[in-house]
N, C-alpha and C. Protein backbone atom coordinates (compact mmCIF):
# COMPACT_ATOMS: atom_id res chain seq x y z
N MET A 1 -8.46 -20.91 35.86
CA MET A 1 -7.37 -21.63 35.22
C MET A 1 -5.96 -21.52 35.93
N PRO A 2 -5.14 -22.51 36.61
CA PRO A 2 -4.11 -22.10 36.98
C PRO A 2 -2.80 -21.49 36.26
N ARG A 3 -2.03 -20.54 36.87
CA ARG A 3 -1.15 -19.60 36.44
C ARG A 3 -0.19 -20.49 35.67
N THR A 4 0.31 -21.53 35.99
CA THR A 4 1.32 -22.45 35.47
C THR A 4 0.94 -22.82 33.85
N THR A 5 -0.45 -23.27 34.05
CA THR A 5 -1.10 -23.57 32.83
C THR A 5 -0.96 -22.60 31.67
N ALA A 6 -1.53 -21.40 31.94
CA ALA A 6 -1.40 -20.22 30.92
C ALA A 6 -0.08 -19.95 30.63
N LEU A 7 0.94 -19.90 31.41
CA LEU A 7 2.38 -19.76 31.22
C LEU A 7 2.85 -20.93 30.21
N GLY A 8 2.44 -22.22 30.54
CA GLY A 8 2.90 -23.13 29.71
C GLY A 8 2.07 -22.97 28.24
N ARG A 9 1.12 -22.84 28.39
CA ARG A 9 0.20 -22.38 26.72
C ARG A 9 1.25 -21.15 25.89
N PHE A 10 1.50 -20.23 26.83
CA PHE A 10 2.16 -19.24 26.35
C PHE A 10 3.52 -19.36 25.48
N GLY A 11 4.31 -20.21 26.39
CA GLY A 11 5.64 -20.79 26.28
C GLY A 11 5.47 -21.71 24.81
N SER A 12 4.47 -22.45 24.91
CA SER A 12 4.24 -23.30 23.57
C SER A 12 4.04 -22.61 22.36
N THR A 13 3.34 -21.51 22.64
CA THR A 13 2.88 -20.64 21.57
C THR A 13 4.24 -19.85 20.88
N ILE A 14 4.92 -19.71 21.76
CA ILE A 14 6.17 -19.07 21.30
C ILE A 14 7.12 -19.98 20.66
N ALA A 15 7.08 -21.20 21.07
CA ALA A 15 8.10 -22.05 20.78
C ALA A 15 7.44 -22.46 19.27
N VAL A 16 6.04 -22.78 18.97
CA VAL A 16 5.72 -23.19 17.78
C VAL A 16 5.92 -21.92 16.66
N THR A 17 5.64 -20.76 17.31
CA THR A 17 5.94 -19.45 16.37
C THR A 17 7.39 -19.48 15.87
N PHE A 18 8.29 -19.57 16.61
CA PHE A 18 9.48 -19.49 16.50
C PHE A 18 10.08 -20.77 15.53
N ALA A 19 9.60 -21.87 15.79
CA ALA A 19 9.58 -22.99 14.70
C ALA A 19 9.15 -22.74 13.13
N LEU A 20 8.01 -22.01 13.17
CA LEU A 20 7.20 -21.71 11.90
C LEU A 20 8.12 -20.63 11.37
N VAL A 21 8.69 -19.78 12.02
CA VAL A 21 9.50 -18.62 11.35
C VAL A 21 10.98 -19.08 10.77
N LEU A 22 11.46 -20.19 11.46
CA LEU A 22 12.45 -20.87 11.13
C LEU A 22 12.16 -21.63 10.01
N ALA A 23 11.22 -22.43 9.84
CA ALA A 23 10.68 -23.21 8.66
C ALA A 23 10.57 -22.43 7.32
N LEU A 24 9.73 -21.48 7.58
CA LEU A 24 9.71 -20.24 6.64
C LEU A 24 10.85 -19.86 5.96
N THR A 25 11.84 -19.56 6.76
CA THR A 25 12.96 -18.88 6.43
C THR A 25 13.76 -20.05 5.41
N ALA A 26 13.63 -20.98 6.22
CA ALA A 26 14.81 -22.22 5.40
C ALA A 26 14.13 -22.48 4.00
N CYS A 27 12.85 -22.34 3.73
CA CYS A 27 12.07 -22.68 2.51
C CYS A 27 12.51 -21.60 1.57
N GLY A 28 13.23 -20.51 1.77
CA GLY A 28 13.25 -19.31 0.70
C GLY A 28 14.21 -19.73 -0.36
N SER A 29 14.20 -19.55 -1.39
CA SER A 29 14.72 -19.67 -2.82
C SER A 29 16.27 -19.30 -2.69
N THR A 30 17.11 -20.06 -3.02
CA THR A 30 18.59 -19.45 -3.34
C THR A 30 18.99 -19.51 -4.86
N ASP A 31 17.97 -19.74 -5.69
CA ASP A 31 18.30 -19.49 -7.06
C ASP A 31 18.72 -18.13 -7.61
N GLU A 32 19.90 -18.12 -7.99
CA GLU A 32 20.55 -16.74 -8.34
C GLU A 32 19.43 -15.93 -9.07
N GLY A 33 18.84 -16.39 -9.90
CA GLY A 33 17.66 -16.02 -11.08
C GLY A 33 16.62 -15.09 -10.16
N THR A 34 16.29 -15.34 -8.74
CA THR A 34 15.41 -15.04 -8.15
C THR A 34 15.73 -13.79 -7.27
N VAL A 35 17.00 -14.10 -6.66
CA VAL A 35 17.44 -13.11 -5.57
C VAL A 35 17.85 -11.60 -6.27
N PRO A 36 17.26 -10.74 -5.45
CA PRO A 36 17.25 -9.11 -6.21
C PRO A 36 18.87 -8.94 -5.87
N SER A 37 19.18 -8.02 -6.79
CA SER A 37 20.62 -7.60 -6.68
C SER A 37 20.71 -6.48 -5.79
N ALA A 38 22.04 -6.27 -5.26
CA ALA A 38 22.38 -5.07 -4.51
C ALA A 38 22.84 -3.86 -5.23
N GLU A 39 22.82 -4.27 -6.54
CA GLU A 39 23.41 -3.11 -7.43
C GLU A 39 22.47 -1.96 -7.29
N PRO A 40 22.90 -0.50 -7.54
CA PRO A 40 22.05 0.29 -7.84
C PRO A 40 21.65 0.35 -9.26
N ILE A 41 20.42 1.06 -9.49
CA ILE A 41 20.08 1.17 -10.80
C ILE A 41 20.43 2.50 -11.42
N ASP A 42 21.18 2.49 -12.50
CA ASP A 42 21.67 3.73 -13.17
C ASP A 42 20.57 4.46 -13.90
N ALA A 43 20.30 5.65 -13.70
CA ALA A 43 19.16 6.26 -14.64
C ALA A 43 19.66 6.38 -15.84
N THR A 44 20.70 6.38 -16.37
CA THR A 44 21.06 6.62 -17.65
C THR A 44 21.51 5.29 -18.47
N SER A 45 21.17 4.30 -17.78
CA SER A 45 21.64 2.80 -18.25
C SER A 45 20.35 2.36 -18.75
N SER A 46 20.42 1.51 -19.84
CA SER A 46 18.92 0.82 -20.26
C SER A 46 19.11 -0.67 -19.95
N VAL A 47 20.00 -1.08 -19.06
CA VAL A 47 20.27 -2.35 -18.57
C VAL A 47 19.84 -2.59 -17.18
N ILE A 48 18.95 -3.71 -16.86
CA ILE A 48 18.46 -3.97 -15.69
C ILE A 48 19.58 -4.73 -14.87
N PRO A 49 20.05 -4.25 -13.72
CA PRO A 49 21.07 -5.05 -12.96
C PRO A 49 20.80 -6.66 -13.06
N SER A 50 22.00 -7.30 -12.76
CA SER A 50 21.86 -8.61 -12.81
C SER A 50 20.94 -8.96 -11.69
N GLY A 51 20.20 -10.06 -11.88
CA GLY A 51 19.24 -10.54 -10.58
C GLY A 51 18.14 -9.95 -10.57
N ALA A 52 17.96 -8.72 -11.03
CA ALA A 52 16.75 -7.93 -10.91
C ALA A 52 15.73 -8.53 -11.95
N ALA A 53 14.46 -8.86 -11.48
CA ALA A 53 13.59 -9.28 -12.43
C ALA A 53 13.15 -8.64 -13.44
N SER A 54 12.89 -8.74 -14.75
CA SER A 54 12.43 -7.96 -15.75
C SER A 54 10.92 -8.36 -16.11
N SER A 55 10.09 -7.51 -16.40
CA SER A 55 8.74 -8.11 -16.83
C SER A 55 8.20 -7.64 -17.92
N ALA A 56 7.42 -8.47 -18.62
CA ALA A 56 7.16 -8.01 -20.09
C ALA A 56 5.97 -7.18 -20.01
N ALA A 57 5.29 -7.32 -19.10
CA ALA A 57 4.02 -6.16 -18.83
C ALA A 57 4.15 -5.28 -17.87
N PRO A 58 3.78 -3.87 -17.96
CA PRO A 58 3.92 -2.99 -17.09
C PRO A 58 3.40 -3.19 -15.58
N VAL A 59 3.95 -2.71 -14.60
CA VAL A 59 3.25 -2.89 -13.45
C VAL A 59 2.80 -1.65 -12.74
N SER A 60 1.77 -1.53 -12.25
CA SER A 60 0.99 -0.54 -11.69
C SER A 60 1.85 -0.25 -10.30
N PRO A 61 2.35 1.10 -10.18
CA PRO A 61 3.11 1.30 -8.90
C PRO A 61 2.38 0.97 -7.67
N THR A 62 1.03 1.26 -7.56
CA THR A 62 -0.18 1.36 -6.51
C THR A 62 -0.70 -0.18 -6.45
N ALA A 63 -0.30 -1.07 -7.52
CA ALA A 63 -0.88 -2.15 -7.10
C ALA A 63 -0.01 -3.47 -6.86
N ASP A 64 1.36 -3.28 -7.32
CA ASP A 64 2.31 -4.06 -7.08
C ASP A 64 3.67 -3.60 -6.91
N SER A 65 4.63 -4.34 -6.24
CA SER A 65 5.92 -3.85 -6.17
C SER A 65 6.90 -4.87 -6.54
N THR A 66 8.02 -4.59 -7.03
CA THR A 66 9.19 -5.70 -6.85
C THR A 66 9.95 -5.70 -5.91
N ASP A 67 10.71 -6.72 -5.81
CA ASP A 67 11.41 -7.03 -4.44
C ASP A 67 12.61 -5.55 -4.19
N LEU A 68 12.58 -4.89 -5.17
CA LEU A 68 13.38 -3.70 -4.92
C LEU A 68 12.86 -2.49 -4.67
N GLY A 69 11.26 -2.53 -4.67
CA GLY A 69 10.46 -1.28 -4.31
C GLY A 69 9.48 -1.22 -5.37
N PRO A 70 8.51 -0.18 -4.99
CA PRO A 70 7.52 0.12 -5.92
C PRO A 70 8.03 0.42 -7.34
N LEU A 71 7.33 0.27 -8.46
CA LEU A 71 7.62 0.57 -9.83
C LEU A 71 6.67 1.55 -10.51
N LEU A 72 7.22 2.55 -11.09
CA LEU A 72 6.35 3.50 -12.06
C LEU A 72 7.02 3.20 -13.59
N THR A 73 6.05 2.76 -14.35
CA THR A 73 6.39 2.68 -15.89
C THR A 73 5.97 3.76 -16.29
N VAL A 74 6.64 4.45 -17.25
CA VAL A 74 6.54 5.58 -17.86
C VAL A 74 6.68 5.38 -19.48
N THR A 75 5.48 5.60 -20.45
CA THR A 75 5.69 5.38 -21.72
C THR A 75 5.66 6.79 -22.56
N ILE A 76 6.73 7.16 -23.33
CA ILE A 76 6.60 8.28 -24.16
C ILE A 76 6.60 7.84 -25.52
N ASP A 77 5.59 8.67 -26.35
CA ASP A 77 5.53 8.28 -27.63
C ASP A 77 5.39 9.99 -28.22
N GLY A 78 6.46 10.38 -28.81
CA GLY A 78 6.32 11.81 -29.26
C GLY A 78 5.82 12.61 -28.15
N GLU A 79 4.68 13.18 -28.27
CA GLU A 79 4.24 14.18 -27.38
C GLU A 79 3.03 13.57 -26.48
N GLU A 80 2.85 12.13 -26.67
CA GLU A 80 1.86 11.39 -25.86
C GLU A 80 2.90 10.82 -24.76
N VAL A 81 2.46 11.31 -23.39
CA VAL A 81 3.16 10.79 -22.30
C VAL A 81 2.17 9.99 -21.42
N SER A 82 2.56 8.97 -20.89
CA SER A 82 1.68 8.23 -19.83
C SER A 82 2.39 7.47 -18.77
N PRO A 83 1.91 7.25 -17.66
CA PRO A 83 0.79 7.74 -17.15
C PRO A 83 0.24 9.34 -17.07
N ASN A 84 -0.91 9.70 -16.70
CA ASN A 84 -1.10 10.85 -16.35
C ASN A 84 -1.64 10.99 -14.90
N ALA A 85 -0.67 11.73 -14.34
CA ALA A 85 -0.56 12.15 -12.82
C ALA A 85 -1.19 10.76 -12.04
N GLU A 86 -0.25 9.74 -12.15
CA GLU A 86 -0.58 8.37 -11.20
C GLU A 86 -0.02 8.73 -9.77
N GLU A 87 -1.07 8.65 -8.98
CA GLU A 87 -1.12 8.71 -7.62
C GLU A 87 -0.16 7.61 -7.03
N ILE A 88 0.92 8.17 -6.32
CA ILE A 88 1.60 6.88 -5.72
C ILE A 88 1.74 7.46 -4.25
N ASP A 89 1.88 6.36 -3.38
CA ASP A 89 2.34 6.64 -2.14
C ASP A 89 3.70 5.99 -1.75
N LEU A 90 4.44 6.77 -1.14
CA LEU A 90 5.84 6.31 -0.68
C LEU A 90 6.12 6.60 0.47
N GLY A 91 7.09 6.05 1.31
CA GLY A 91 7.56 6.10 2.61
C GLY A 91 8.53 7.20 2.35
N THR A 92 9.03 8.03 3.44
CA THR A 92 10.11 8.60 3.38
C THR A 92 11.42 7.88 3.33
N GLY A 93 12.37 8.02 2.30
CA GLY A 93 13.53 7.35 2.00
C GLY A 93 13.41 6.19 1.40
N GLU A 94 12.10 5.83 0.95
CA GLU A 94 11.78 4.69 0.18
C GLU A 94 12.14 4.79 -1.48
N LYS A 95 12.74 3.77 -1.96
CA LYS A 95 12.85 4.03 -3.36
C LYS A 95 11.84 3.79 -4.25
N LEU A 96 11.59 4.56 -5.19
CA LEU A 96 10.49 4.26 -6.38
C LEU A 96 11.26 4.04 -7.66
N LEU A 97 11.18 2.87 -8.13
CA LEU A 97 11.71 2.33 -9.31
C LEU A 97 11.17 3.11 -10.60
N VAL A 98 11.76 3.54 -11.40
CA VAL A 98 11.15 4.07 -12.63
C VAL A 98 11.73 3.41 -14.00
N GLU A 99 10.87 2.85 -14.73
CA GLU A 99 11.01 2.30 -15.99
C GLU A 99 10.50 3.31 -17.07
N ILE A 100 11.45 3.74 -18.21
CA ILE A 100 10.85 4.86 -19.09
C ILE A 100 11.19 4.12 -20.26
N ASP A 101 10.18 3.96 -21.16
CA ASP A 101 10.04 3.48 -22.59
C ASP A 101 9.80 4.63 -23.44
N SER A 102 10.74 5.05 -24.28
CA SER A 102 10.52 6.29 -25.08
C SER A 102 11.02 6.23 -26.35
N ASP A 103 10.33 6.90 -27.21
CA ASP A 103 10.95 7.05 -28.53
C ASP A 103 12.01 8.32 -28.78
N ARG A 104 12.12 8.87 -27.75
CA ARG A 104 13.12 9.91 -27.83
C ARG A 104 13.73 10.19 -26.44
N ALA A 105 15.07 10.93 -26.49
CA ALA A 105 15.73 11.31 -25.39
C ALA A 105 14.86 12.22 -24.66
N GLY A 106 15.42 12.49 -23.59
CA GLY A 106 14.79 13.68 -22.50
C GLY A 106 15.02 13.44 -20.98
N GLU A 107 14.29 14.16 -20.45
CA GLU A 107 14.49 14.08 -18.72
C GLU A 107 13.16 14.11 -18.00
N LEU A 108 13.05 13.41 -16.82
CA LEU A 108 11.96 13.48 -16.05
C LEU A 108 12.51 14.58 -15.00
N HIS A 109 11.76 15.43 -14.60
CA HIS A 109 12.18 16.25 -13.43
C HIS A 109 11.20 15.81 -12.13
N VAL A 110 11.87 15.80 -11.05
CA VAL A 110 11.22 15.14 -9.94
C VAL A 110 11.33 16.59 -8.91
N HIS A 111 10.07 17.07 -8.86
CA HIS A 111 10.19 18.52 -8.02
C HIS A 111 10.13 18.18 -6.56
N SER A 112 11.15 17.62 -6.03
CA SER A 112 11.52 17.32 -4.58
C SER A 112 12.50 18.40 -4.21
N ALA A 113 12.75 18.31 -2.81
CA ALA A 113 13.92 19.14 -2.24
C ALA A 113 15.01 18.34 -1.69
N PRO A 114 16.02 17.85 -2.30
CA PRO A 114 16.51 18.68 -3.72
C PRO A 114 15.81 18.24 -4.86
N GLU A 115 15.93 18.98 -5.91
CA GLU A 115 15.24 18.50 -7.22
C GLU A 115 15.89 17.28 -7.55
N GLN A 116 15.41 16.48 -8.30
CA GLN A 116 15.99 15.29 -9.11
C GLN A 116 15.79 15.17 -10.43
N LEU A 117 16.61 14.82 -11.36
CA LEU A 117 16.50 14.52 -12.77
C LEU A 117 16.78 13.12 -13.13
N ILE A 118 15.84 12.48 -14.16
CA ILE A 118 16.28 11.26 -14.56
C ILE A 118 16.26 11.35 -16.01
N GLU A 119 17.49 11.22 -16.44
CA GLU A 119 17.71 11.58 -18.06
C GLU A 119 17.54 9.92 -18.56
N TYR A 120 16.81 10.09 -19.72
CA TYR A 120 16.71 8.93 -20.33
C TYR A 120 16.90 9.01 -21.74
N ALA A 121 17.07 8.07 -22.44
CA ALA A 121 17.38 7.79 -24.04
C ALA A 121 16.42 7.33 -24.64
N GLU A 122 16.50 7.40 -25.99
CA GLU A 122 15.40 6.52 -26.72
C GLU A 122 15.70 5.10 -26.36
N GLY A 123 14.50 4.35 -26.26
CA GLY A 123 14.25 2.87 -25.78
C GLY A 123 14.08 2.90 -24.20
N THR A 124 14.43 1.92 -23.53
CA THR A 124 14.26 1.65 -22.25
C THR A 124 15.45 2.24 -21.54
N THR A 125 14.97 3.12 -20.37
CA THR A 125 15.90 3.58 -19.47
C THR A 125 15.44 3.17 -17.97
N ASN A 126 16.16 2.73 -17.14
CA ASN A 126 15.79 2.71 -15.86
C ASN A 126 16.20 3.60 -14.82
N GLY A 127 15.57 4.21 -13.82
CA GLY A 127 16.13 5.06 -12.70
C GLY A 127 15.40 4.84 -11.58
N GLU A 128 15.74 5.63 -10.61
CA GLU A 128 14.97 5.44 -9.02
C GLU A 128 14.94 7.01 -8.74
N ILE A 129 13.86 7.25 -7.62
CA ILE A 129 13.59 8.17 -7.17
C ILE A 129 13.46 8.12 -5.52
N VAL A 130 14.17 8.80 -4.91
CA VAL A 130 14.22 8.55 -3.25
C VAL A 130 13.87 10.16 -2.96
N VAL A 131 12.66 10.22 -2.08
CA VAL A 131 12.48 11.66 -1.58
C VAL A 131 12.54 11.52 -0.10
N ASN A 132 13.42 12.34 0.73
CA ASN A 132 13.42 12.19 1.92
C ASN A 132 12.80 13.16 2.90
N THR A 133 11.87 14.02 2.31
CA THR A 133 11.04 14.96 2.99
C THR A 133 9.40 14.64 2.75
N PRO A 134 8.77 14.52 3.50
CA PRO A 134 7.19 14.23 3.48
C PRO A 134 6.60 15.38 2.87
N GLY A 135 5.39 15.00 1.78
CA GLY A 135 4.79 15.99 1.06
C GLY A 135 4.48 15.26 -0.18
N THR A 136 3.88 16.24 -0.95
CA THR A 136 3.61 15.82 -2.54
C THR A 136 4.54 16.09 -3.35
N VAL A 137 4.99 15.39 -4.34
CA VAL A 137 6.05 15.64 -5.24
C VAL A 137 5.38 15.31 -6.66
N GLU A 138 5.53 16.15 -7.47
CA GLU A 138 5.32 15.74 -9.03
C GLU A 138 6.60 15.48 -9.59
N VAL A 139 6.38 14.61 -10.78
CA VAL A 139 7.37 13.85 -11.37
C VAL A 139 6.57 14.36 -12.94
N GLU A 140 7.61 15.14 -13.89
CA GLU A 140 6.98 15.48 -15.10
C GLU A 140 8.12 15.48 -16.18
N ASP A 141 7.41 15.39 -17.33
CA ASP A 141 8.31 14.90 -18.30
C ASP A 141 8.91 16.51 -18.74
N HIS A 142 9.97 16.87 -18.93
CA HIS A 142 10.46 18.12 -19.20
C HIS A 142 10.17 18.73 -20.54
N ASP A 143 10.32 17.80 -21.66
CA ASP A 143 9.80 18.26 -22.86
C ASP A 143 8.16 18.80 -23.19
N THR A 144 7.39 18.09 -22.76
CA THR A 144 6.00 18.28 -22.86
C THR A 144 5.32 18.99 -21.55
N GLY A 145 5.98 18.84 -20.43
CA GLY A 145 5.38 19.43 -18.95
C GLY A 145 4.13 18.51 -18.54
N ALA A 146 4.05 17.36 -19.12
CA ALA A 146 3.16 16.26 -18.71
C ALA A 146 3.61 15.78 -17.21
N VAL A 147 2.58 15.93 -16.34
CA VAL A 147 2.76 15.22 -14.96
C VAL A 147 2.48 13.70 -15.09
N VAL A 148 3.52 13.10 -14.82
CA VAL A 148 3.19 11.60 -14.85
C VAL A 148 2.97 11.02 -13.59
N ALA A 149 3.18 11.64 -12.69
CA ALA A 149 3.18 11.01 -11.34
C ALA A 149 3.08 12.08 -10.14
N LEU A 150 2.21 11.69 -9.43
CA LEU A 150 2.11 12.68 -7.85
C LEU A 150 2.50 11.67 -7.08
N ILE A 151 3.44 11.85 -6.44
CA ILE A 151 3.96 11.05 -5.20
C ILE A 151 3.62 11.55 -3.76
N GLU A 152 3.04 10.95 -2.95
CA GLU A 152 2.73 11.38 -1.77
C GLU A 152 3.57 10.74 -0.83
N VAL A 153 4.57 11.44 -0.35
CA VAL A 153 5.64 11.08 0.72
C VAL A 153 5.30 11.02 2.05
N ARG A 154 5.08 9.95 2.93
CA ARG A 154 4.72 10.07 4.04
C ARG A 154 5.87 9.62 5.21
């Protein structure tokens, strides 16, 4: 096959790929209800920032993720705490969003360096965890000592 034909096909492939990328980018929604917010989630707030999607059903952090990052949903009912040692893979510096639904106030301890705390109130509280050092990090409920998550940071 002549060299000019191979280069012609390569150039055509690049042009078609570029056109597809532009077309797909142009198809993105600009509906304000679906655009993620750049506002940080306050660990002491029970309000999801405007623009952030809320979900009626809990989302498994290993199965799904939101536009803002993976999600860990914690449920606390008295001494009952779930999940139990949920395994989560997280990149160094990546946010793990935490949604806590509790019948009491308390705090989650994140055994990272430096240690992090997420204080929660009765009701629903949203927070986030960011770990900048690779390794395994435990997240536990302070009152019961229950380990709710084991984060493998890579």
